[in-house]
Amino acid sequence: MVQEIQLKRAYDPASSEDGYRVYIDRLWPRGLSHETFHYDSWDKAIAPSSELREWFHQDAEGRWKEFAEKYKKELSENPAFESLRKEIAGKPKVTLLYSSRDHEHNNAVVVKEVLNQDSK
């Protein structure tokens, strides 16, 4: 079975097309209530370490490539990421939810890339 993994900003409305929704940031999305933000799973430990996140946000575009490599290393050593892999196994469609305004430079992009490499 081929699994489709897509990305979506936490602030975008939930859709039946999302499949299984996984929020992957450490911090709750600012301004969203627990009653209106729909997700199926949230494990804060999947997010980048606070040190890596803070370092990256000082220059997101300039540090993107280095951030992605460092975050991939964190994921490879993170038991929570292995749990995520098991949790989504067999789910035909998974949507990774993130809070960042930057659609191209955020941790969800890296998580999707690593999960897609796993399926090859």
C-alpha atoms as a PDB file:
ATOM      1  CA  MET A   1       0.000   0.000   0.000  1.00  0.00           C
ATOM      2  CA  VAL A   2       1.270   3.440  -0.934  1.00  0.00           C
ATOM      3  CA  GLN A   3       0.878   5.999   1.811  1.00  0.00           C
ATOM      4  CA  GLU A   4       0.193   9.631   0.984  1.00  0.00           C
ATOM      5  CA  ILE A   5       1.772  12.118   3.375  1.00  0.00           C
ATOM      6  CA  GLN A   6       0.754  15.727   3.034  1.00  0.00           C
ATOM      7  CA  LEU A   7       1.490  18.920   4.911  1.00  0.00           C
ATOM      8  CA  LYS A   8      -0.991  21.456   6.192  1.00  0.00           C
ATOM      9  CA  ARG A   9      -0.817  24.469   8.407  1.00  0.00           C
ATOM     10  CA  ALA A  10      -2.598  23.975  11.735  1.00  0.00           C
ATOM     11  CA  TYR A  11      -4.600  27.150  11.078  1.00  0.00           C
ATOM     12  CA  ASP A  12      -6.114  25.788   7.858  1.00  0.00           C
ATOM     13  CA  PRO A  13      -9.533  24.154   8.276  1.00  0.00           C
ATOM     14  CA  ALA A  14      -9.681  20.391   8.746  1.00  0.00           C
ATOM     15  CA  SER A  15     -10.967  18.431   5.771  1.00  0.00           C
ATOM     16  CA  SER A  16     -12.170  14.897   5.139  1.00  0.00           C
ATOM     17  CA  GLU A  17      -9.287  14.752   2.625  1.00  0.00           C
ATOM     18  CA  ASP A  18      -6.734  15.034   5.458  1.00  0.00           C
ATOM     19  CA  GLY A  19      -6.929  11.444   6.640  1.00  0.00           C
ATOM     20  CA  TYR A  20      -5.050  10.895   9.901  1.00  0.00           C
ATOM     21  CA  ARG A  21      -3.947  14.281  11.285  1.00  0.00           C
ATOM     22  CA  VAL A  22      -0.698  14.511  13.270  1.00  0.00           C
ATOM     23  CA  TYR A  23       0.363  17.788  14.916  1.00  0.00           C
ATOM     24  CA  ILE A  24       4.169  17.767  15.101  1.00  0.00           C
ATOM     25  CA  ASP A  25       5.148  21.016  16.832  1.00  0.00           C
ATOM     26  CA  ARG A  26       6.280  21.301  20.444  1.00  0.00           C
ATOM     27  CA  LEU A  27       4.152  24.360  21.200  1.00  0.00           C
ATOM     28  CA  TRP A  28       0.371  24.659  20.958  1.00  0.00           C
ATOM     29  CA  PRO A  29      -0.656  26.753  17.914  1.00  0.00           C
ATOM     30  CA  ARG A  30      -1.196  30.284  19.151  1.00  0.00           C
ATOM     31  CA  GLY A  31      -4.803  31.446  19.001  1.00  0.00           C
ATOM     32  CA  LEU A  32      -6.380  28.027  18.387  1.00  0.00           C
ATOM     33  CA  SER A  33      -8.668  26.484  20.971  1.00  0.00           C
ATOM     34  CA  HIS A  34      -8.660  22.860  22.016  1.00  0.00           C
ATOM     35  CA  GLU A  35     -12.290  22.660  20.904  1.00  0.00           C
ATOM     36  CA  THR A  36     -11.703  23.835  17.329  1.00  0.00           C
ATOM     37  CA  PHE A  37      -8.279  22.446  16.427  1.00  0.00           C
ATOM     38  CA  HIS A  38      -8.755  18.888  15.201  1.00  0.00           C
ATOM     39  CA  TYR A  39      -5.877  16.404  15.293  1.00  0.00           C
ATOM     40  CA  ASP A  40      -5.669  12.672  15.847  1.00  0.00           C
ATOM     41  CA  SER A  41      -2.238  12.628  17.436  1.00  0.00           C
ATOM     42  CA  TRP A  42       0.212  15.052  19.040  1.00  0.00           C
ATOM     43  CA  ASP A  43       3.528  14.003  20.529  1.00  0.00           C
ATOM     44  CA  LYS A  44       5.620  17.045  21.407  1.00  0.00           C
ATOM     45  CA  ALA A  45       8.758  14.907  21.498  1.00  0.00           C
ATOM     46  CA  ILE A  46       8.720  14.591  17.686  1.00  0.00           C
ATOM     47  CA  ALA A  47       9.431  18.308  17.325  1.00  0.00           C
ATOM     48  CA  PRO A  48      12.980  19.648  17.064  1.00  0.00           C
ATOM     49  CA  SER A  49      14.749  20.225  20.359  1.00  0.00           C
ATOM     50  CA  SER A  50      14.209  23.681  21.811  1.00  0.00           C
ATOM     51  CA  GLU A  51      17.875  24.510  21.196  1.00  0.00           C
ATOM     52  CA  LEU A  52      17.699  23.541  17.529  1.00  0.00           C
ATOM     53  CA  ARG A  53      14.373  25.319  16.991  1.00  0.00           C
ATOM     54  CA  GLU A  54      15.599  28.561  18.587  1.00  0.00           C
ATOM     55  CA  TRP A  55      18.880  28.459  16.631  1.00  0.00           C
ATOM     56  CA  PHE A  56      17.003  27.879  13.363  1.00  0.00           C
ATOM     57  CA  HIS A  57      14.502  30.691  13.906  1.00  0.00           C
ATOM     58  CA  GLN A  58      17.314  33.240  14.112  1.00  0.00           C
ATOM     59  CA  ASP A  59      17.866  32.816  10.342  1.00  0.00           C
ATOM     60  CA  ALA A  60      15.379  30.306   8.904  1.00  0.00           C
ATOM     61  CA  GLU A  61      16.286  30.672   5.239  1.00  0.00           C
ATOM     62  CA  GLY A  62      20.042  30.932   5.785  1.00  0.00           C
ATOM     63  CA  ARG A  63      20.168  27.963   8.149  1.00  0.00           C
ATOM     64  CA  TRP A  64      17.583  25.759   6.428  1.00  0.00           C
ATOM     65  CA  LYS A  65      19.921  23.108   4.976  1.00  0.00           C
ATOM     66  CA  GLU A  66      21.919  22.786   8.178  1.00  0.00           C
ATOM     67  CA  PHE A  67      18.711  22.707  10.248  1.00  0.00           C
ATOM     68  CA  ALA A  68      17.280  19.910   8.087  1.00  0.00           C
ATOM     69  CA  GLU A  69      20.411  17.785   8.544  1.00  0.00           C
ATOM     70  CA  LYS A  70      20.558  18.381  12.308  1.00  0.00           C
ATOM     71  CA  TYR A  71      16.846  17.651  12.683  1.00  0.00           C
ATOM     72  CA  LYS A  72      17.143  14.426  10.660  1.00  0.00           C
ATOM     73  CA  LYS A  73      19.882  13.350  13.074  1.00  0.00           C
ATOM     74  CA  GLU A  74      17.636  14.153  16.040  1.00  0.00           C
ATOM     75  CA  LEU A  75      14.807  12.152  14.462  1.00  0.00           C
ATOM     76  CA  SER A  76      17.072   9.151  13.851  1.00  0.00           C
ATOM     77  CA  GLU A  77      17.854   9.055  17.588  1.00  0.00           C
ATOM     78  CA  ASN A  78      14.329   9.855  18.789  1.00  0.00           C
ATOM     79  CA  PRO A  79      12.147   7.011  20.118  1.00  0.00           C
ATOM     80  CA  ALA A  80       9.047   9.207  19.669  1.00  0.00           C
ATOM     81  CA  PHE A  81       9.713   9.314  15.927  1.00  0.00           C
ATOM     82  CA  GLU A  82       9.861   5.525  15.797  1.00  0.00           C
ATOM     83  CA  SER A  83       6.516   5.478  17.637  1.00  0.00           C
ATOM     84  CA  LEU A  84       5.091   7.856  15.024  1.00  0.00           C
ATOM     85  CA  ARG A  85       6.201   5.527  12.240  1.00  0.00           C
ATOM     86  CA  LYS A  86       4.371   2.642  13.889  1.00  0.00           C
ATOM     87  CA  GLU A  87       1.314   4.776  14.624  1.00  0.00           C
ATOM     88  CA  ILE A  88       0.820   5.846  11.005  1.00  0.00           C
ATOM     89  CA  ALA A  89       1.754   2.512   9.429  1.00  0.00           C
ATOM     90  CA  GLY A  90      -1.147   1.251   7.358  1.00  0.00           C
ATOM     91  CA  LYS A  91      -2.927   4.588   7.250  1.00  0.00           C
ATOM     92  CA  PRO A  92      -3.475   5.477   3.575  1.00  0.00           C
ATOM     93  CA  LYS A  93      -3.405   9.249   4.091  1.00  0.00           C
ATOM     94  CA  VAL A  94      -1.573  11.210   6.781  1.00  0.00           C
ATOM     95  CA  THR A  95      -1.499  14.981   7.189  1.00  0.00           C
ATOM     96  CA  LEU A  96       1.357  16.504   9.163  1.00  0.00           C
ATOM     97  CA  LEU A  97       0.185  19.706  10.818  1.00  0.00           C
ATOM     98  CA  TYR A  98       2.534  22.575  11.662  1.00  0.00           C
ATOM     99  CA  SER A  99       2.158  26.142  12.947  1.00  0.00           C
ATOM    100  CA  SER A 100       4.868  27.977  11.018  1.00  0.00           C
ATOM    101  CA  ARG A 101       3.916  30.659   8.494  1.00  0.00           C
ATOM    102  CA  ASP A 102       6.786  29.484   6.306  1.00  0.00           C
ATOM    103  CA  HIS A 103       5.474  26.637   4.160  1.00  0.00           C
ATOM    104  CA  GLU A 104       8.900  25.653   2.796  1.00  0.00           C
ATOM    105  CA  HIS A 105      11.177  25.929   5.839  1.00  0.00           C
ATOM    106  CA  ASN A 106       9.623  24.097   8.778  1.00  0.00           C
ATOM    107  CA  ASN A 107      10.024  20.842  10.682  1.00  0.00           C
ATOM    108  CA  ALA A 108       7.037  19.193   8.945  1.00  0.00           C
ATOM    109  CA  VAL A 109       8.885  19.374   5.624  1.00  0.00           C
ATOM    110  CA  VAL A 110      11.770  17.411   7.158  1.00  0.00           C
ATOM    111  CA  VAL A 111       9.506  14.850   8.843  1.00  0.00           C
ATOM    112  CA  LYS A 112       7.668  14.255   5.562  1.00  0.00           C
ATOM    113  CA  GLU A 113      10.958  13.798   3.709  1.00  0.00           C
ATOM    114  CA  VAL A 114      12.210  11.232   6.230  1.00  0.00           C
ATOM    115  CA  LEU A 115       8.884   9.335   6.246  1.00  0.00           C
ATOM    116  CA  ASN A 116       8.839   9.273   2.432  1.00  0.00           C
ATOM    117  CA  GLN A 117      12.407   7.901   2.387  1.00  0.00           C
ATOM    118  CA  ASP A 118      11.246   5.123   4.693  1.00  0.00           C
ATOM    119  CA  SER A 119       8.567   4.065   2.224  1.00  0.00           C
ATOM    120  CA  LYS A 120      11.006   3.677  -0.698  1.00  0.00           C
END
